[in-house]
Amino acid sequence: MRRRNVNGIPIAAPIVTSTNLTHEEMMSLRMPYVDSVSKTNYRELGAVFEFMNATRVSLFTDTWGYYKNGSYNGMVGHLINGEAELAGSLGRTVMFILFFAFVLIYTSYSANIVALLQSKSNQIKTLSDLLNSKLEVGVEDTSYNRYFLSVKTEPVRKAMYETKVAPPGKKPNFFSLEEGVKKMQSKPFAFNMNLGIGYRMVEAYFREDEKCGLQEIQFLLQAVAWQTCRKNSAYKEIFKIGLYRNQEFGFNDHANRLIYRKKPTCAFTGSSFDSVNMIDFYPVLLLLAYGIFLAIIILFLELLYKRNRNKN
């Protein structure tokens, strides 16, 4: 604590963004659905830089950082190369107590699948059930989703990606958050998305009775998110104290409440009328077709029997 004041020294923190528009609107709530993770972290780490009396230098990049051609790119590359001290975009300090303190962030950043079932059926409970169902599956179009889904080796998840998300010869089912949520509302559709910001979109478009049909199925295996700083950084202990302070003072909770939403509660108790999809009454149509076909055959046999009887 005695060494926390760094007298305004500039400290670089890389930030992952998908559009240049975000650079000017990091503290704005005008478009909370765009780069929500980075905007939340920007608010949280602002308190840390103020606590240290440091000058933040933002390094904008379009990827989290993956190993290619013998080196890391993106945010991780900035940290490894010594160009930055602290990651400006999920994560958490490597301390057991913070696993509990950041439970809301962990829930928000977890990649889960949200399936809107037109009927209140509980037949789809696991990822295998979803794989074997007739539901269309889509994924939020982000760099980490495209990367992690393509390298999955677990049989069910690999089959999900290869048969429903990105089947060979067809356009992959990667959609914007708004497009995916609207598809959930209008048709039998499962959408993998960031839950915290996705539920904010659900609140904007879904009727109260439609919110009761939401179900969650874990798609990507949850992994512990870490708050990263440069190896052997001189500010590591100050960063840790500042992050503790963020939690104790409620800064993280405030930032999360501004950006994210929890799953909407089902408060609708009345009846509703909605359009019915072909898949919902397909068995009835099939039974009707069989009945008509059988009736025609029976009629033909009766006419044939009557004709033979008249001849006799």
Protein backbone atom coordinates (compact mmCIF):
# COMPACT_ATOMS: atom_id res chain seq x y z
CA MET A 1 0.00 0.00 0.00
CA ARG A 2 2.92 2.39 0.72
CA ARG A 3 4.19 1.88 -2.85
CA ARG A 4 0.86 2.02 -4.67
CA ASN A 5 1.31 5.61 -5.93
CA VAL A 6 3.29 5.38 -9.19
CA ASN A 7 3.04 9.15 -9.81
CA GLY A 8 1.14 9.01 -13.09
CA ILE A 9 3.53 6.68 -14.92
CA PRO A 10 1.99 5.39 -18.21
CA ILE A 11 1.00 1.70 -18.08
CA ALA A 12 -0.21 -0.06 -21.22
CA ALA A 13 -3.21 -2.42 -21.20
CA PRO A 14 -4.34 -4.16 -24.43
CA ILE A 15 -8.07 -4.20 -25.18
CA VAL A 16 -9.82 -6.59 -27.58
CA THR A 17 -12.42 -4.89 -29.81
CA SER A 18 -14.30 -5.95 -32.91
CA THR A 19 -14.95 -2.48 -34.36
CA ASN A 20 -13.17 0.88 -34.37
CA LEU A 21 -16.37 2.52 -33.12
CA THR A 22 -15.73 0.96 -29.71
CA HIS A 23 -12.51 2.95 -29.32
CA GLU A 24 -14.50 6.13 -28.83
CA GLU A 25 -17.31 4.61 -26.78
CA MET A 26 -15.60 2.52 -24.09
CA MET A 27 -17.53 4.33 -21.34
CA SER A 28 -20.75 4.75 -23.31
CA LEU A 29 -23.89 2.64 -22.84
CA ARG A 30 -25.29 3.60 -26.24
CA MET A 31 -24.35 0.23 -27.78
CA PRO A 32 -23.88 -2.21 -24.85
CA TYR A 33 -24.18 -5.26 -27.13
CA VAL A 34 -20.95 -4.42 -29.00
CA ASP A 35 -17.71 -5.53 -27.28
CA SER A 36 -19.52 -5.88 -23.95
CA VAL A 37 -16.68 -7.85 -22.33
CA SER A 38 -14.10 -5.18 -23.10
CA LYS A 39 -16.37 -2.32 -22.03
CA THR A 40 -17.04 -4.01 -18.69
CA ASN A 41 -13.35 -4.62 -18.03
CA TYR A 42 -12.47 -1.08 -19.08
CA ARG A 43 -14.76 0.27 -16.34
CA GLU A 44 -13.44 -2.15 -13.72
CA LEU A 45 -9.75 -1.53 -14.43
CA GLY A 46 -10.31 2.23 -14.48
CA ALA A 47 -10.64 2.07 -10.70
CA VAL A 48 -7.36 0.12 -10.48
CA PHE A 49 -5.45 2.76 -12.47
CA GLU A 50 -6.98 5.50 -10.31
CA PHE A 51 -5.97 3.57 -7.18
CA MET A 52 -2.37 3.39 -8.48
CA ASN A 53 -2.34 6.97 -9.75
CA ALA A 54 -1.23 5.60 -13.12
CA THR A 55 -1.93 6.82 -16.65
CA ARG A 56 -3.70 4.19 -18.73
CA VAL A 57 -2.43 3.60 -22.27
CA SER A 58 -4.93 1.54 -24.30
CA LEU A 59 -3.59 -0.79 -26.99
CA PHE A 60 -6.47 -1.88 -29.20
CA THR A 61 -6.33 -5.30 -30.86
CA ASP A 62 -8.86 -7.51 -32.63
CA THR A 63 -7.92 -10.87 -31.09
CA TRP A 64 -7.30 -12.34 -27.64
CA GLY A 65 -4.07 -13.94 -28.76
CA TYR A 66 -3.35 -17.29 -30.39
CA TYR A 67 -0.12 -19.15 -31.13
CA LYS A 68 0.73 -18.79 -34.82
CA ASN A 69 4.02 -19.05 -36.72
CA GLY A 70 6.07 -19.46 -33.58
CA SER A 71 4.66 -16.54 -31.58
CA TYR A 72 1.48 -15.20 -30.00
CA ASN A 73 -0.56 -12.40 -31.53
CA GLY A 74 -3.21 -10.07 -30.13
CA MET A 75 -3.57 -9.25 -26.43
CA VAL A 76 -1.37 -12.12 -25.22
CA GLY A 77 1.34 -11.08 -27.70
CA HIS A 78 1.45 -7.55 -26.25
CA LEU A 79 2.00 -9.00 -22.76
CA ILE A 80 4.68 -11.50 -23.82
CA ASN A 81 6.58 -8.91 -25.86
CA GLY A 82 6.68 -6.51 -22.91
CA GLU A 83 4.54 -3.90 -24.68
CA ALA A 84 1.86 -4.03 -21.94
CA GLU A 85 1.70 -4.74 -18.22
CA LEU A 86 -1.93 -5.79 -17.62
CA ALA A 87 -4.59 -7.41 -19.79
CA GLY A 88 -7.32 -4.84 -20.35
CA SER A 89 -9.97 -7.37 -21.46
CA LEU A 90 -12.10 -11.92 -18.54
CA GLY A 91 -10.37 -12.39 -16.44
CA ARG A 92 -9.61 -12.88 -12.71
CA THR A 93 -6.66 -12.82 -10.37
CA VAL A 94 -5.14 -16.21 -9.59
CA MET A 95 -6.46 -16.25 -6.04
CA PHE A 96 -8.93 -18.76 -4.61
CA ILE A 97 -11.00 -16.15 -2.80
CA LEU A 98 -11.62 -14.27 -6.04
CA PHE A 99 -13.19 -17.39 -7.56
CA PHE A 100 -16.17 -16.58 -5.36
CA ALA A 101 -15.93 -12.80 -5.65
CA PHE A 102 -16.14 -12.90 -9.45
CA VAL A 103 -18.97 -15.43 -9.69
CA LEU A 104 -21.16 -13.01 -11.62
CA ILE A 105 -18.41 -12.31 -14.17
CA TYR A 106 -17.75 -16.04 -14.50
CA THR A 107 -21.42 -16.71 -15.18
CA SER A 108 -21.66 -13.88 -17.69
CA TYR A 109 -18.60 -14.91 -19.67
CA SER A 110 -19.42 -18.61 -19.76
CA ALA A 111 -20.34 -19.80 -23.22
CA ASN A 112 -23.66 -21.57 -22.91
CA ILE A 113 -26.33 -22.54 -25.34
CA VAL A 114 -29.78 -21.06 -24.94
CA ALA A 115 -32.56 -22.96 -26.67
CA LEU A 116 -36.01 -21.48 -27.17
CA LEU A 117 -38.47 -24.36 -27.46
CA GLN A 118 -41.85 -23.44 -28.86
CA SER A 119 -43.49 -26.04 -26.61
CA LYS A 120 -42.80 -26.30 -22.89
CA SER A 121 -41.12 -29.67 -23.44
CA ASN A 122 -38.16 -30.88 -21.39
CA GLN A 123 -37.06 -33.52 -23.88
CA ILE A 124 -33.84 -31.64 -24.71
CA LYS A 125 -31.72 -31.66 -21.56
CA THR A 126 -28.21 -32.51 -22.76
CA LEU A 127 -25.94 -31.61 -25.64
CA SER A 128 -26.51 -35.09 -27.10
CA ASP A 129 -30.28 -34.49 -27.07
CA LEU A 130 -29.72 -31.23 -28.94
CA LEU A 131 -27.44 -32.93 -31.46
CA ASN A 132 -30.07 -35.57 -32.23
CA SER A 133 -32.95 -33.07 -32.37
CA LYS A 134 -34.27 -31.17 -35.38
CA LEU A 135 -33.41 -27.81 -33.85
CA GLU A 136 -31.19 -25.54 -35.91
CA VAL A 137 -28.06 -24.43 -34.04
CA GLY A 138 -26.28 -21.09 -34.37
CA VAL A 139 -23.29 -19.45 -32.67
CA GLU A 140 -22.55 -15.82 -31.79
CA ASP A 141 -20.00 -14.54 -34.29
CA THR A 142 -16.93 -13.78 -32.17
CA SER A 143 -13.26 -14.58 -32.74
CA TYR A 144 -13.02 -16.87 -29.70
CA ASN A 145 -16.13 -18.84 -30.68
CA ARG A 146 -14.82 -19.45 -34.19
CA TYR A 147 -11.47 -20.60 -32.79
CA PHE A 148 -12.53 -22.80 -29.87
CA LEU A 149 -15.39 -24.51 -31.71
CA SER A 150 -13.15 -25.44 -34.63
CA VAL A 151 -10.52 -27.14 -32.42
CA LYS A 152 -12.86 -29.15 -30.18
CA THR A 153 -12.06 -32.88 -30.15
CA GLU A 154 -14.72 -34.17 -27.74
CA PRO A 155 -17.02 -36.37 -29.91
CA VAL A 156 -20.40 -34.72 -29.20
CA ARG A 157 -19.15 -31.15 -29.49
CA LYS A 158 -17.12 -31.97 -32.58
CA ALA A 159 -20.18 -33.59 -34.18
CA MET A 160 -22.29 -30.56 -33.21
CA TYR A 161 -19.85 -28.24 -34.97
CA GLU A 162 -19.47 -30.40 -38.07
CA THR A 163 -23.17 -31.25 -38.57
CA LYS A 164 -25.13 -28.28 -37.23
CA VAL A 165 -22.84 -25.25 -36.91
CA ALA A 166 -20.48 -25.56 -39.89
CA PRO A 167 -21.51 -28.50 -42.10
CA PRO A 168 -19.22 -29.10 -45.11
CA GLY A 169 -20.24 -27.25 -48.25
CA LYS A 170 -22.59 -24.87 -46.43
CA LYS A 171 -22.25 -21.41 -44.91
CA PRO A 172 -21.40 -21.69 -41.17
CA ASN A 173 -24.18 -20.67 -38.80
CA PHE A 174 -22.39 -17.72 -37.18
CA PHE A 175 -24.77 -14.84 -36.49
CA SER A 176 -24.67 -11.47 -34.80
CA LEU A 177 -26.14 -11.39 -31.30
CA GLU A 178 -29.28 -9.55 -32.44
CA GLU A 179 -29.88 -11.89 -35.38
CA GLY A 180 -29.43 -15.00 -33.22
CA VAL A 181 -31.82 -13.79 -30.50
CA LYS A 182 -34.48 -12.91 -33.08
CA LYS A 183 -34.13 -16.41 -34.57
CA MET A 184 -34.72 -17.90 -31.11
CA GLN A 185 -37.87 -15.84 -30.85
CA SER A 186 -39.32 -16.76 -34.23
CA LYS A 187 -38.40 -20.42 -34.82
CA PRO A 188 -37.14 -23.62 -33.17
CA PHE A 189 -33.54 -22.51 -32.75
CA ALA A 190 -30.65 -22.92 -30.30
CA PHE A 191 -28.08 -20.14 -30.03
CA ASN A 192 -24.68 -20.16 -28.33
CA MET A 193 -24.03 -16.70 -26.91
CA ASN A 194 -22.60 -14.64 -24.07
CA LEU A 195 -25.39 -15.10 -21.52
CA GLY A 196 -25.10 -11.80 -19.68
CA ILE A 197 -25.37 -9.56 -22.75
CA GLY A 198 -27.60 -12.05 -24.60
CA TYR A 199 -30.26 -11.89 -21.90
CA ARG A 200 -30.19 -8.11 -22.19
CA MET A 201 -31.15 -8.55 -25.84
CA VAL A 202 -33.82 -11.10 -24.84
CA GLU A 203 -35.40 -8.55 -22.51
CA ALA A 204 -35.58 -6.07 -25.40
CA TYR A 205 -37.32 -8.37 -27.92
CA PHE A 206 -39.13 -11.23 -26.14
CA ARG A 207 -42.67 -11.08 -24.83
CA GLU A 208 -43.24 -12.18 -21.24
CA ASP A 209 -44.77 -15.52 -22.26
CA GLU A 210 -41.83 -16.22 -24.62
CA LYS A 211 -39.28 -15.83 -21.82
CA CYS A 212 -40.77 -18.88 -20.10
CA GLY A 213 -39.62 -21.13 -22.93
CA LEU A 214 -35.88 -20.46 -22.47
CA GLN A 215 -33.57 -23.34 -21.58
CA GLU A 216 -29.80 -23.46 -21.06
CA ILE A 217 -27.46 -26.24 -22.14
CA GLN A 218 -23.69 -26.00 -21.65
CA PHE A 219 -22.01 -26.00 -25.06
CA LEU A 220 -18.38 -25.00 -24.52
CA LEU A 221 -16.69 -26.55 -21.50
CA GLN A 222 -16.28 -23.88 -18.84
CA ALA A 223 -12.69 -22.89 -18.11
CA VAL A 224 -11.35 -20.69 -15.35
CA ALA A 225 -10.71 -17.16 -16.63
CA TRP A 226 -7.57 -15.42 -15.40
CA GLN A 227 -6.60 -11.81 -14.99
CA THR A 228 -3.27 -11.60 -16.78
CA CYS A 229 -0.31 -9.32 -16.34
CA ARG A 230 3.17 -9.33 -17.86
CA LYS A 231 5.61 -11.87 -16.44
CA ASN A 232 7.82 -10.36 -13.69
CA SER A 233 5.86 -7.10 -13.84
CA ALA A 234 6.91 -4.61 -11.19
CA TYR A 235 3.27 -3.66 -10.64
CA LYS A 236 1.91 -7.18 -9.99
CA GLU A 237 1.28 -6.71 -6.25
CA ILE A 238 -0.32 -3.30 -6.79
CA PHE A 239 -2.58 -4.78 -9.48
CA LYS A 240 -3.64 -7.52 -7.06
CA ILE A 241 -4.46 -5.09 -4.26
CA GLY A 242 -6.34 -2.86 -6.70
CA LEU A 243 -8.46 -5.79 -7.93
CA TYR A 244 -9.26 -6.78 -4.33
CA ARG A 245 -10.30 -3.17 -3.72
CA ASN A 246 -12.55 -3.25 -6.80
CA GLN A 247 -14.49 -6.17 -5.36
CA GLU A 248 -14.66 -4.81 -1.81
CA PHE A 249 -15.92 -1.41 -2.98
CA GLY A 250 -18.46 -2.90 -5.41
CA PHE A 251 -16.90 -1.48 -8.59
CA ASN A 252 -17.08 -4.82 -10.43
CA ASP A 253 -20.67 -5.42 -9.41
CA HIS A 254 -21.61 -1.93 -10.59
CA ALA A 255 -19.97 -2.44 -14.01
CA ASN A 256 -21.64 -5.84 -14.47
CA ARG A 257 -25.07 -4.49 -13.59
CA LEU A 258 -24.68 -1.74 -16.19
CA ILE A 259 -23.81 -4.15 -19.03
CA TYR A 260 -25.18 -7.60 -18.20
CA ARG A 261 -28.55 -9.11 -17.27
CA LYS A 262 -29.53 -12.32 -15.53
CA LYS A 263 -31.91 -14.90 -16.97
CA PRO A 264 -35.43 -13.39 -17.12
CA THR A 265 -37.85 -14.84 -14.60
CA CYS A 266 -40.99 -16.56 -15.84
CA ALA A 267 -43.70 -14.35 -14.35
CA PHE A 268 -46.33 -15.04 -17.02
CA THR A 269 -49.27 -17.13 -15.77
CA GLY A 270 -51.90 -16.53 -18.45
CA SER A 271 -52.51 -18.08 -21.84
CA SER A 272 -51.11 -16.83 -25.12
CA PHE A 273 -51.81 -17.37 -28.78
CA ASP A 274 -49.02 -17.83 -31.26
CA SER A 275 -48.41 -19.22 -34.72
CA VAL A 276 -47.71 -22.94 -35.00
CA ASN A 277 -44.80 -24.21 -37.04
CA MET A 278 -45.11 -27.11 -39.45
CA ILE A 279 -42.83 -29.24 -37.29
CA ASP A 280 -45.24 -28.94 -34.35
CA PHE A 281 -48.15 -30.69 -36.07
CA TYR A 282 -46.22 -32.78 -38.61
CA PRO A 283 -47.29 -36.11 -36.97
CA VAL A 284 -50.95 -35.10 -37.26
CA LEU A 285 -50.56 -34.28 -40.95
CA LEU A 286 -48.77 -37.60 -41.48
CA LEU A 287 -51.60 -39.48 -39.79
CA LEU A 288 -54.15 -37.62 -41.91
CA ALA A 289 -52.24 -38.49 -45.10
CA TYR A 290 -52.08 -42.17 -44.14
CA GLY A 291 -55.80 -42.11 -43.38
CA ILE A 292 -56.70 -40.58 -46.75
CA PHE A 293 -54.46 -43.05 -48.59
CA LEU A 294 -55.98 -46.00 -46.73
CA ALA A 295 -59.51 -44.72 -47.39
CA ILE A 296 -58.81 -44.49 -51.14
CA ILE A 297 -57.49 -48.06 -51.17
CA ILE A 298 -60.54 -49.33 -49.27
CA LEU A 299 -62.85 -47.45 -51.67
CA PHE A 300 -61.07 -48.99 -54.66
CA LEU A 301 -61.41 -52.48 -53.15
CA GLU A 302 -65.13 -51.93 -52.44
CA LEU A 303 -65.74 -50.77 -56.03
CA LEU A 304 -63.83 -53.79 -57.35
CA TYR A 305 -65.81 -56.13 -55.10
CA LYS A 306 -69.14 -54.59 -56.18
CA ARG A 307 -68.17 -54.87 -59.86
CA ASN A 308 -67.26 -58.56 -59.54
CA ARG A 309 -70.46 -59.25 -57.62
CA ASN A 310 -72.64 -57.63 -60.29
CA LYS A 311 -70.99 -59.81 -62.97
CA ASN A 312 -71.88 -62.90 -61.01
